[in-house]
Amino acid sequence: MALTTKETYLFQDFKLQENAPFFELTSLKVNTYCVANKSEVSDQYKIYWIEDGSGKYSIDFKEFTISGSGIFCLSPGQVFTVESEKVQSAFQIAFDKDFYCIETHGKEIACNGLLFNNVHRATAIAVKEEEKSIFQNLVNQMVGELENKGSSHRDMLETYLRMFLIQTLRLVDIKEAEVQEVTHQQDQLAQDFIALVEKHFRQEHTVTGYAEKLFIAPKSLTKRLKVLDYPSPSQIIKDRLVLEAKRQLKFSTKTVKEIAFELGFDDPAYFSRLFSKNAGASPAQYRQQELA
């Protein structure tokens, strides 16, 4: 690999030395295409923008292919894997809730919205050549602000970050519109259900429990999700539990029994049967396959 530049720009608030808000932008550029293969668990909110490159990736074990340019949005705890990649120019934007609390910046770009924490529609979207300049300009503005801190420094970075997210959301909206048209009410219900599962999956395993929180009958919830081409509510709950189990099996040394208890199962044997049925392998077999 012939590395040209790898620059990291870090937000610093000198008035807050301890527990300061975190925001970091990393730029990678190479003379010739760099081939990479790696897997990592996100510890902050992260945006990967492949400005020039291609590859096969997965978010929480769901595969995506990017050719030319693309954007990924990751939430803390999500597993991002580069299966194969050839990149000449790429950027990583990382931040925490203390810097930019997505939950308070609009429902659509919130961490329970379309871009983040949506395990059934992970954000991995191709960017067309004519759309690249929008993101290039925003990243350049961020770099300029980080290099030359002006007045309202943090406010400016937040503004650029929000604009980047909104532009990404617009691409997602266009992509969704090409696939199917759905009503806002139906889509919002699906997002609210997934957000509740994300928040309570360790404690609540029943469709009835979630339906009660949404003030809707379980059958109505099932029908509305079916219209949107989602799996059944029960399958979404199982998928989230299995996903978390996969993360723990691959990236921790916890026993199967410990993982089962953490996920709210009193009977580890029942947990193992559920995992085996949905993952196609027992927890022990899955761990052995992933670590081989």
C-alpha atoms as a PDB file:
ATOM      1  CA  MET A   1       0.000   0.000   0.000  1.00  0.00           C
ATOM      2  CA  ALA A   2       1.366   3.400  -0.992  1.00  0.00           C
ATOM      3  CA  LEU A   3      -0.029   5.736   1.639  1.00  0.00           C
ATOM      4  CA  THR A   4      -0.240   9.406   0.705  1.00  0.00           C
ATOM      5  CA  THR A   5      -2.058  10.885   3.692  1.00  0.00           C
ATOM      6  CA  LYS A   6      -3.905   9.783   6.782  1.00  0.00           C
ATOM      7  CA  GLU A   7      -5.092  12.826   8.660  1.00  0.00           C
ATOM      8  CA  THR A   8      -7.078  12.848  11.894  1.00  0.00           C
ATOM      9  CA  TYR A   9      -8.889  15.995  13.020  1.00  0.00           C
ATOM     10  CA  LEU A  10     -10.231  16.044  16.587  1.00  0.00           C
ATOM     11  CA  PHE A  11     -12.666  18.468  18.166  1.00  0.00           C
ATOM     12  CA  GLN A  12     -11.302  19.875  21.419  1.00  0.00           C
ATOM     13  CA  ASP A  13     -13.145  21.993  23.930  1.00  0.00           C
ATOM     14  CA  PHE A  14     -10.467  23.343  26.215  1.00  0.00           C
ATOM     15  CA  LYS A  15     -13.073  24.507  28.716  1.00  0.00           C
ATOM     16  CA  LEU A  16     -14.089  20.877  29.302  1.00  0.00           C
ATOM     17  CA  GLN A  17     -10.966  18.834  29.932  1.00  0.00           C
ATOM     18  CA  GLU A  18     -12.724  15.760  31.384  1.00  0.00           C
ATOM     19  CA  ASN A  19     -15.561  13.922  29.645  1.00  0.00           C
ATOM     20  CA  ALA A  20     -15.447  16.409  26.795  1.00  0.00           C
ATOM     21  CA  PRO A  21     -17.768  15.813  23.818  1.00  0.00           C
ATOM     22  CA  PHE A  22     -16.153  13.624  21.162  1.00  0.00           C
ATOM     23  CA  PHE A  23     -16.002  14.426  17.453  1.00  0.00           C
ATOM     24  CA  GLU A  24     -13.323  13.140  15.094  1.00  0.00           C
ATOM     25  CA  LEU A  25     -12.839  13.186  11.335  1.00  0.00           C
ATOM     26  CA  THR A  26     -10.274  10.906   9.703  1.00  0.00           C
ATOM     27  CA  SER A  27      -9.207  11.183   6.072  1.00  0.00           C
ATOM     28  CA  LEU A  28      -7.420   8.408   4.167  1.00  0.00           C
ATOM     29  CA  LYS A  29      -5.950   8.872   0.686  1.00  0.00           C
ATOM     30  CA  VAL A  30      -3.526   6.577  -1.174  1.00  0.00           C
ATOM     31  CA  ASN A  31      -1.550   6.765  -4.403  1.00  0.00           C
ATOM     32  CA  THR A  32      -2.873   3.453  -5.623  1.00  0.00           C
ATOM     33  CA  TYR A  33      -5.892   1.522  -4.488  1.00  0.00           C
ATOM     34  CA  CYS A  34      -5.516   0.072  -1.010  1.00  0.00           C
ATOM     35  CA  VAL A  35      -6.906  -3.433  -0.378  1.00  0.00           C
ATOM     36  CA  ALA A  36      -8.303  -3.913   3.129  1.00  0.00           C
ATOM     37  CA  ASN A  37     -10.073  -6.586   5.144  1.00  0.00           C
ATOM     38  CA  LYS A  38     -11.159  -5.993   8.714  1.00  0.00           C
ATOM     39  CA  SER A  39     -13.975  -6.264  11.222  1.00  0.00           C
ATOM     40  CA  GLU A  40     -14.753  -3.917  14.095  1.00  0.00           C
ATOM     41  CA  VAL A  41     -17.414  -3.055  16.651  1.00  0.00           C
ATOM     42  CA  SER A  42     -18.382   0.601  16.575  1.00  0.00           C
ATOM     43  CA  ASP A  43     -17.924   2.369  19.916  1.00  0.00           C
ATOM     44  CA  GLN A  44     -19.415   5.694  18.799  1.00  0.00           C
ATOM     45  CA  TYR A  45     -21.803   6.853  16.131  1.00  0.00           C
ATOM     46  CA  LYS A  46     -19.830   6.562  12.905  1.00  0.00           C
ATOM     47  CA  ILE A  47     -20.262   7.574   9.297  1.00  0.00           C
ATOM     48  CA  TYR A  48     -18.030   5.960   6.695  1.00  0.00           C
ATOM     49  CA  TRP A  49     -17.927   7.746   3.377  1.00  0.00           C
ATOM     50  CA  ILE A  50     -16.134   5.858   0.619  1.00  0.00           C
ATOM     51  CA  GLU A  51     -15.331   8.752  -1.729  1.00  0.00           C
ATOM     52  CA  ASP A  52     -13.484   6.669  -4.308  1.00  0.00           C
ATOM     53  CA  GLY A  53     -13.405   2.908  -4.134  1.00  0.00           C
ATOM     54  CA  SER A  54     -15.400  -0.286  -4.106  1.00  0.00           C
ATOM     55  CA  GLY A  55     -15.867  -3.327  -1.961  1.00  0.00           C
ATOM     56  CA  LYS A  56     -18.036  -5.833  -0.150  1.00  0.00           C
ATOM     57  CA  TYR A  57     -19.085  -4.952   3.379  1.00  0.00           C
ATOM     58  CA  SER A  58     -21.487  -6.113   6.063  1.00  0.00           C
ATOM     59  CA  ILE A  59     -23.297  -4.377   8.896  1.00  0.00           C
ATOM     60  CA  ASP A  60     -24.312  -6.795  11.633  1.00  0.00           C
ATOM     61  CA  PHE A  61     -23.690  -9.664   9.217  1.00  0.00           C
ATOM     62  CA  LYS A  62     -25.914  -8.270   6.429  1.00  0.00           C
ATOM     63  CA  GLU A  63     -23.918  -7.851   3.218  1.00  0.00           C
ATOM     64  CA  PHE A  64     -23.682  -4.766   1.011  1.00  0.00           C
ATOM     65  CA  THR A  65     -21.707  -3.914  -2.123  1.00  0.00           C
ATOM     66  CA  ILE A  66     -20.424  -0.427  -2.974  1.00  0.00           C
ATOM     67  CA  SER A  67     -18.887   0.550  -6.311  1.00  0.00           C
ATOM     68  CA  GLY A  68     -17.473   4.054  -6.813  1.00  0.00           C
ATOM     69  CA  SER A  69     -18.766   5.866  -3.744  1.00  0.00           C
ATOM     70  CA  GLY A  70     -20.993   5.058  -0.784  1.00  0.00           C
ATOM     71  CA  ILE A  71     -22.010   5.913   2.771  1.00  0.00           C
ATOM     72  CA  PHE A  72     -22.472   3.731   5.875  1.00  0.00           C
ATOM     73  CA  CYS A  73     -24.063   4.898   9.155  1.00  0.00           C
ATOM     74  CA  LEU A  74     -23.266   2.891  12.303  1.00  0.00           C
ATOM     75  CA  SER A  75     -24.531   3.059  15.876  1.00  0.00           C
ATOM     76  CA  PRO A  76     -22.520   2.096  18.974  1.00  0.00           C
ATOM     77  CA  GLY A  77     -22.322  -1.678  19.237  1.00  0.00           C
ATOM     78  CA  GLN A  78     -22.932  -2.428  15.576  1.00  0.00           C
ATOM     79  CA  VAL A  79     -20.466  -4.726  13.813  1.00  0.00           C
ATOM     80  CA  PHE A  80     -18.955  -3.338  10.611  1.00  0.00           C
ATOM     81  CA  THR A  81     -16.998  -5.791   8.474  1.00  0.00           C
ATOM     82  CA  VAL A  82     -14.946  -5.141   5.371  1.00  0.00           C
ATOM     83  CA  GLU A  83     -15.075  -8.394   3.426  1.00  0.00           C
ATOM     84  CA  SER A  84     -12.986  -7.039   0.540  1.00  0.00           C
ATOM     85  CA  GLU A  85     -12.198  -3.474  -0.422  1.00  0.00           C
ATOM     86  CA  LYS A  86     -10.191  -1.338  -2.823  1.00  0.00           C
ATOM     87  CA  VAL A  87     -10.182   2.270  -1.685  1.00  0.00           C
ATOM     88  CA  GLN A  88      -8.289   5.331  -2.862  1.00  0.00           C
ATOM     89  CA  SER A  89     -10.089   7.963  -0.795  1.00  0.00           C
ATOM     90  CA  ALA A  90     -12.311   7.538   2.267  1.00  0.00           C
ATOM     91  CA  PHE A  91     -13.437   9.391   5.388  1.00  0.00           C
ATOM     92  CA  GLN A  92     -14.643   8.398   8.841  1.00  0.00           C
ATOM     93  CA  ILE A  93     -16.726  10.754  10.977  1.00  0.00           C
ATOM     94  CA  ALA A  94     -17.126   9.637  14.594  1.00  0.00           C
ATOM     95  CA  PHE A  95     -19.026  11.330  17.410  1.00  0.00           C
ATOM     96  CA  ASP A  96     -20.795  10.593  20.683  1.00  0.00           C
ATOM     97  CA  LYS A  97     -24.092  11.717  22.194  1.00  0.00           C
ATOM     98  CA  ASP A  98     -22.372  14.414  24.223  1.00  0.00           C
ATOM     99  CA  PHE A  99     -21.262  16.105  21.017  1.00  0.00           C
ATOM    100  CA  TYR A 100     -24.402  15.588  18.954  1.00  0.00           C
ATOM    101  CA  CYS A 101     -27.462  13.990  20.504  1.00  0.00           C
ATOM    102  CA  ILE A 102     -29.208  12.566  17.478  1.00  0.00           C
ATOM    103  CA  GLU A 103     -32.339  11.798  19.500  1.00  0.00           C
ATOM    104  CA  THR A 104     -33.085  15.512  19.881  1.00  0.00           C
ATOM    105  CA  HIS A 105     -32.343  16.552  16.281  1.00  0.00           C
ATOM    106  CA  GLY A 106     -35.428  15.388  14.433  1.00  0.00           C
ATOM    107  CA  LYS A 107     -37.157  12.038  14.240  1.00  0.00           C
ATOM    108  CA  GLU A 108     -35.896  11.087  10.786  1.00  0.00           C
ATOM    109  CA  ILE A 109     -32.185  11.431  11.575  1.00  0.00           C
ATOM    110  CA  ALA A 110     -32.550  10.291  15.165  1.00  0.00           C
ATOM    111  CA  CYS A 111     -30.777   7.164  16.313  1.00  0.00           C
ATOM    112  CA  ASN A 112     -34.119   5.345  16.235  1.00  0.00           C
ATOM    113  CA  GLY A 113     -34.828   6.622  12.724  1.00  0.00           C
ATOM    114  CA  LEU A 114     -33.831   5.560   9.249  1.00  0.00           C
ATOM    115  CA  LEU A 115     -30.083   6.189   9.496  1.00  0.00           C
ATOM    116  CA  PHE A 116     -29.135   4.733  12.872  1.00  0.00           C
ATOM    117  CA  ASN A 117     -30.115   1.743  15.037  1.00  0.00           C
ATOM    118  CA  ASN A 118     -32.304   0.211  12.362  1.00  0.00           C
ATOM    119  CA  VAL A 119     -31.054  -3.366  12.311  1.00  0.00           C
ATOM    120  CA  HIS A 120     -33.519  -4.428   9.619  1.00  0.00           C
ATOM    121  CA  ARG A 121     -32.626  -1.624   7.212  1.00  0.00           C
ATOM    122  CA  ALA A 122     -29.007  -0.812   7.948  1.00  0.00           C
ATOM    123  CA  THR A 123     -27.860   2.342   6.179  1.00  0.00           C
ATOM    124  CA  ALA A 124     -25.500   1.457   3.350  1.00  0.00           C
ATOM    125  CA  ILE A 125     -26.207   3.528   0.285  1.00  0.00           C
ATOM    126  CA  ALA A 126     -24.458   4.095  -3.014  1.00  0.00           C
ATOM    127  CA  VAL A 127     -23.630   7.676  -4.000  1.00  0.00           C
ATOM    128  CA  LYS A 128     -23.798   8.567  -7.680  1.00  0.00           C
ATOM    129  CA  GLU A 129     -21.001  10.548  -9.324  1.00  0.00           C
ATOM    130  CA  GLU A 130     -23.182  13.646  -9.688  1.00  0.00           C
ATOM    131  CA  GLU A 131     -24.072  13.504  -5.964  1.00  0.00           C
ATOM    132  CA  LYS A 132     -20.512  13.273  -4.623  1.00  0.00           C
ATOM    133  CA  SER A 133     -19.801  17.015  -4.639  1.00  0.00           C
ATOM    134  CA  ILE A 134     -22.448  17.613  -1.964  1.00  0.00           C
ATOM    135  CA  PHE A 135     -20.618  15.391   0.520  1.00  0.00           C
ATOM    136  CA  GLN A 136     -17.168  16.510  -0.613  1.00  0.00           C
ATOM    137  CA  ASN A 137     -18.071  20.129   0.129  1.00  0.00           C
ATOM    138  CA  LEU A 138     -19.480  19.309   3.567  1.00  0.00           C
ATOM    139  CA  VAL A 139     -16.422  17.261   4.563  1.00  0.00           C
ATOM    140  CA  ASN A 140     -14.119  20.026   3.314  1.00  0.00           C
ATOM    141  CA  GLN A 141     -16.060  22.494   5.447  1.00  0.00           C
ATOM    142  CA  MET A 142     -15.614  20.247   8.491  1.00  0.00           C
ATOM    143  CA  VAL A 143     -11.883  19.917   7.867  1.00  0.00           C
ATOM    144  CA  GLY A 144     -11.551  23.662   7.424  1.00  0.00           C
ATOM    145  CA  GLU A 145     -13.378  24.320  10.675  1.00  0.00           C
ATOM    146  CA  LEU A 146     -11.281  21.770  12.583  1.00  0.00           C
ATOM    147  CA  GLU A 147      -8.051  23.236  11.218  1.00  0.00           C
ATOM    148  CA  ASN A 148      -9.026  26.856  11.829  1.00  0.00           C
ATOM    149  CA  LYS A 149     -11.332  27.116  14.814  1.00  0.00           C
ATOM    150  CA  GLY A 150     -13.535  30.186  14.562  1.00  0.00           C
ATOM    151  CA  SER A 151     -16.245  31.604  16.782  1.00  0.00           C
ATOM    152  CA  SER A 152     -19.103  29.187  17.535  1.00  0.00           C
ATOM    153  CA  HIS A 153     -16.734  26.379  16.570  1.00  0.00           C
ATOM    154  CA  ARG A 154     -18.839  23.535  17.916  1.00  0.00           C
ATOM    155  CA  ASP A 155     -22.055  24.995  16.482  1.00  0.00           C
ATOM    156  CA  MET A 156     -20.498  25.065  13.027  1.00  0.00           C
ATOM    157  CA  LEU A 157     -19.365  21.438  13.256  1.00  0.00           C
ATOM    158  CA  GLU A 158     -22.818  20.388  14.438  1.00  0.00           C
ATOM    159  CA  THR A 159     -24.367  22.236  11.505  1.00  0.00           C
ATOM    160  CA  TYR A 160     -22.121  20.525   8.950  1.00  0.00           C
ATOM    161  CA  LEU A 161     -22.756  17.135  10.567  1.00  0.00           C
ATOM    162  CA  ARG A 162     -26.507  17.676  10.518  1.00  0.00           C
ATOM    163  CA  MET A 163     -26.368  18.726   6.858  1.00  0.00           C
ATOM    164  CA  PHE A 164     -24.376  15.582   6.024  1.00  0.00           C
ATOM    165  CA  LEU A 165     -26.999  13.437   7.741  1.00  0.00           C
ATOM    166  CA  ILE A 166     -29.880  15.220   6.022  1.00  0.00           C
ATOM    167  CA  GLN A 167     -28.265  14.814   2.604  1.00  0.00           C
ATOM    168  CA  THR A 168     -27.737  11.114   3.350  1.00  0.00           C
ATOM    169  CA  LEU A 169     -31.343  10.795   4.427  1.00  0.00           C
ATOM    170  CA  ARG A 170     -32.458  12.339   1.141  1.00  0.00           C
ATOM    171  CA  LEU A 171     -30.584   9.650  -0.756  1.00  0.00           C
ATOM    172  CA  VAL A 172     -32.242   7.007   1.414  1.00  0.00           C
ATOM    173  CA  ASP A 173     -35.640   8.576   0.721  1.00  0.00           C
ATOM    174  CA  ILE A 174     -35.002   8.497  -3.035  1.00  0.00           C
ATOM    175  CA  LYS A 175     -33.908   4.889  -2.843  1.00  0.00           C
ATOM    176  CA  GLU A 176     -36.954   3.921  -0.792  1.00  0.00           C
ATOM    177  CA  ALA A 177     -39.278   5.756  -3.190  1.00  0.00           C
ATOM    178  CA  GLU A 178     -37.902   3.758  -6.090  1.00  0.00           C
ATOM    179  CA  VAL A 179     -38.747   0.512  -4.332  1.00  0.00           C
ATOM    180  CA  GLN A 180     -42.218   1.266  -3.007  1.00  0.00           C
ATOM    181  CA  GLU A 181     -44.515   3.993  -1.776  1.00  0.00           C
ATOM    182  CA  VAL A 182     -45.804   3.748   1.785  1.00  0.00           C
ATOM    183  CA  THR A 183     -47.738   6.083   3.998  1.00  0.00           C
ATOM    184  CA  HIS A 184     -45.890   8.094   6.624  1.00  0.00           C
ATOM    185  CA  GLN A 185     -48.094   6.651   9.348  1.00  0.00           C
ATOM    186  CA  GLN A 186     -47.300   3.056   8.445  1.00  0.00           C
ATOM    187  CA  ASP A 187     -43.579   3.712   8.172  1.00  0.00           C
ATOM    188  CA  GLN A 188     -43.528   5.607  11.454  1.00  0.00           C
ATOM    189  CA  LEU A 189     -45.186   2.700  13.237  1.00  0.00           C
ATOM    190  CA  ALA A 190     -42.495   0.354  11.943  1.00  0.00           C
ATOM    191  CA  GLN A 191     -39.754   2.723  13.078  1.00  0.00           C
ATOM    192  CA  ASP A 192     -41.349   3.109  16.510  1.00  0.00           C
ATOM    193  CA  PHE A 193     -41.645  -0.659  16.901  1.00  0.00           C
ATOM    194  CA  ILE A 194     -38.023  -1.241  15.921  1.00  0.00           C
ATOM    195  CA  ALA A 195     -36.922   1.526  18.297  1.00  0.00           C
ATOM    196  CA  LEU A 196     -38.802  -0.151  21.158  1.00  0.00           C
ATOM    197  CA  VAL A 197     -37.243  -3.515  20.323  1.00  0.00           C
ATOM    198  CA  GLU A 198     -33.817  -1.882  20.297  1.00  0.00           C
ATOM    199  CA  LYS A 199     -34.468  -0.414  23.737  1.00  0.00           C
ATOM    200  CA  HIS A 200     -36.164  -3.371  25.451  1.00  0.00           C
ATOM    201  CA  PHE A 201     -35.100  -6.573  23.632  1.00  0.00           C
ATOM    202  CA  ARG A 202     -33.176  -7.826  26.669  1.00  0.00           C
ATOM    203  CA  GLN A 203     -36.255  -7.625  28.885  1.00  0.00           C
ATOM    204  CA  GLU A 204     -39.254  -7.995  26.563  1.00  0.00           C
ATOM    205  CA  HIS A 205     -39.513 -10.927  24.170  1.00  0.00           C
ATOM    206  CA  THR A 206     -43.243 -10.927  23.319  1.00  0.00           C
ATOM    207  CA  VAL A 207     -45.127  -9.192  20.501  1.00  0.00           C
ATOM    208  CA  THR A 208     -47.974  -8.460  22.914  1.00  0.00           C
ATOM    209  CA  GLY A 209     -45.643  -6.515  25.193  1.00  0.00           C
ATOM    210  CA  TYR A 210     -44.510  -4.242  22.387  1.00  0.00           C
ATOM    211  CA  ALA A 211     -48.013  -3.887  20.927  1.00  0.00           C
ATOM    212  CA  GLU A 212     -49.237  -2.636  24.294  1.00  0.00           C
ATOM    213  CA  LYS A 213     -46.526   0.024  24.347  1.00  0.00           C
ATOM    214  CA  LEU A 214     -47.652   1.134  20.868  1.00  0.00           C
ATOM    215  CA  PHE A 215     -51.366   1.044  21.797  1.00  0.00           C
ATOM    216  CA  ILE A 216     -52.146  -1.325  18.949  1.00  0.00           C
ATOM    217  CA  ALA A 217     -53.390  -4.894  18.672  1.00  0.00           C
ATOM    218  CA  PRO A 218     -50.694  -7.500  17.948  1.00  0.00           C
ATOM    219  CA  LYS A 219     -52.515  -8.600  14.761  1.00  0.00           C
ATOM    220  CA  SER A 220     -52.679  -5.006  13.491  1.00  0.00           C
ATOM    221  CA  LEU A 221     -48.964  -4.573  14.137  1.00  0.00           C
ATOM    222  CA  THR A 222     -48.245  -7.726  12.156  1.00  0.00           C
ATOM    223  CA  LYS A 223     -50.382  -6.593   9.207  1.00  0.00           C
ATOM    224  CA  ARG A 224     -48.822  -3.119   9.032  1.00  0.00           C
ATOM    225  CA  LEU A 225     -45.287  -4.474   9.084  1.00  0.00           C
ATOM    226  CA  LYS A 226     -46.201  -6.970   6.369  1.00  0.00           C
ATOM    227  CA  VAL A 227     -47.354  -4.110   4.112  1.00  0.00           C
ATOM    228  CA  LEU A 228     -43.900  -2.546   4.508  1.00  0.00           C
ATOM    229  CA  ASP A 229     -42.230  -5.865   3.620  1.00  0.00           C
ATOM    230  CA  TYR A 230     -40.747  -6.277   7.087  1.00  0.00           C
ATOM    231  CA  PRO A 231     -40.481  -9.659   8.809  1.00  0.00           C
ATOM    232  CA  SER A 232     -43.173 -10.495  11.366  1.00  0.00           C
ATOM    233  CA  PRO A 233     -42.911  -8.722  14.752  1.00  0.00           C
ATOM    234  CA  SER A 234     -41.927 -11.969  16.455  1.00  0.00           C
ATOM    235  CA  GLN A 235     -39.190 -12.557  13.873  1.00  0.00           C
ATOM    236  CA  ILE A 236     -37.866  -9.010  14.338  1.00  0.00           C
ATOM    237  CA  ILE A 237     -37.595  -9.642  18.082  1.00  0.00           C
ATOM    238  CA  LYS A 238     -35.841 -12.969  17.501  1.00  0.00           C
ATOM    239  CA  ASP A 239     -33.520 -11.417  14.901  1.00  0.00           C
ATOM    240  CA  ARG A 240     -32.477  -8.723  17.382  1.00  0.00           C
ATOM    241  CA  LEU A 241     -31.774 -11.275  20.102  1.00  0.00           C
ATOM    242  CA  VAL A 242     -29.801 -13.493  17.724  1.00  0.00           C
ATOM    243  CA  LEU A 243     -27.887 -10.501  16.392  1.00  0.00           C
ATOM    244  CA  GLU A 244     -26.799  -9.497  19.892  1.00  0.00           C
ATOM    245  CA  ALA A 245     -25.875 -13.096  20.649  1.00  0.00           C
ATOM    246  CA  LYS A 246     -23.739 -13.218  17.480  1.00  0.00           C
ATOM    247  CA  ARG A 247     -21.933 -10.052  18.531  1.00  0.00           C
ATOM    248  CA  GLN A 248     -21.196 -11.480  21.968  1.00  0.00           C
ATOM    249  CA  LEU A 249     -20.140 -14.868  20.638  1.00  0.00           C
ATOM    250  CA  LYS A 250     -17.739 -13.310  18.149  1.00  0.00           C
ATOM    251  CA  PHE A 251     -16.326 -10.420  20.153  1.00  0.00           C
ATOM    252  CA  SER A 252     -16.449 -11.551  23.792  1.00  0.00           C
ATOM    253  CA  THR A 253     -15.356 -14.532  25.880  1.00  0.00           C
ATOM    254  CA  LYS A 254     -18.675 -14.828  27.729  1.00  0.00           C
ATOM    255  CA  THR A 255     -20.128 -18.304  28.044  1.00  0.00           C
ATOM    256  CA  VAL A 256     -23.328 -19.250  26.252  1.00  0.00           C
ATOM    257  CA  LYS A 257     -25.089 -19.353  29.619  1.00  0.00           C
ATOM    258  CA  GLU A 258     -23.894 -15.846  30.489  1.00  0.00           C
ATOM    259  CA  ILE A 259     -25.068 -14.507  27.126  1.00  0.00           C
ATOM    260  CA  ALA A 260     -28.446 -16.193  27.577  1.00  0.00           C
ATOM    261  CA  PHE A 261     -28.969 -14.601  30.991  1.00  0.00           C
ATOM    262  CA  GLU A 262     -27.895 -11.160  29.720  1.00  0.00           C
ATOM    263  CA  LEU A 263     -30.500 -11.443  26.965  1.00  0.00           C
ATOM    264  CA  GLY A 264     -33.277 -12.204  29.440  1.00  0.00           C
ATOM    265  CA  PHE A 265     -33.521 -15.989  29.060  1.00  0.00           C
ATOM    266  CA  ASP A 266     -33.993 -17.957  32.280  1.00  0.00           C
ATOM    267  CA  ASP A 267     -33.412 -21.213  30.400  1.00  0.00           C
ATOM    268  CA  PRO A 268     -30.071 -21.309  28.504  1.00  0.00           C
ATOM    269  CA  ALA A 269     -31.217 -24.454  26.685  1.00  0.00           C
ATOM    270  CA  TYR A 270     -34.233 -22.621  25.255  1.00  0.00           C
ATOM    271  CA  PHE A 271     -31.962 -19.765  24.197  1.00  0.00           C
ATOM    272  CA  SER A 272     -29.648 -22.234  22.432  1.00  0.00           C
ATOM    273  CA  ARG A 273     -32.585 -23.787  20.565  1.00  0.00           C
ATOM    274  CA  LEU A 274     -33.852 -20.361  19.468  1.00  0.00           C
ATOM    275  CA  PHE A 275     -30.370 -19.351  18.343  1.00  0.00           C
ATOM    276  CA  SER A 276     -29.793 -22.607  16.454  1.00  0.00           C
ATOM    277  CA  LYS A 277     -33.118 -22.356  14.639  1.00  0.00           C
ATOM    278  CA  ASN A 278     -32.507 -18.765  13.533  1.00  0.00           C
ATOM    279  CA  ALA A 279     -28.745 -18.842  12.951  1.00  0.00           C
ATOM    280  CA  GLY A 280     -28.442 -22.302  11.416  1.00  0.00           C
ATOM    281  CA  ALA A 281     -25.864 -23.366  13.988  1.00  0.00           C
ATOM    282  CA  SER A 282     -25.666 -23.765  17.740  1.00  0.00           C
ATOM    283  CA  PRO A 283     -24.023 -20.939  19.737  1.00  0.00           C
ATOM    284  CA  ALA A 284     -20.913 -23.056  20.252  1.00  0.00           C
ATOM    285  CA  GLN A 285     -20.726 -23.977  16.566  1.00  0.00           C
ATOM    286  CA  TYR A 286     -21.232 -20.380  15.505  1.00  0.00           C
ATOM    287  CA  ARG A 287     -18.428 -19.167  17.793  1.00  0.00           C
ATOM    288  CA  GLN A 288     -16.101 -21.852  16.481  1.00  0.00           C
ATOM    289  CA  GLN A 289     -16.898 -20.917  12.848  1.00  0.00           C
ATOM    290  CA  GLU A 290     -16.324 -17.201  13.437  1.00  0.00           C
ATOM    291  CA  LEU A 291     -13.054 -17.686  15.301  1.00  0.00           C
ATOM    292  CA  ALA A 292     -11.662 -20.280  12.886  1.00  0.00           C
END
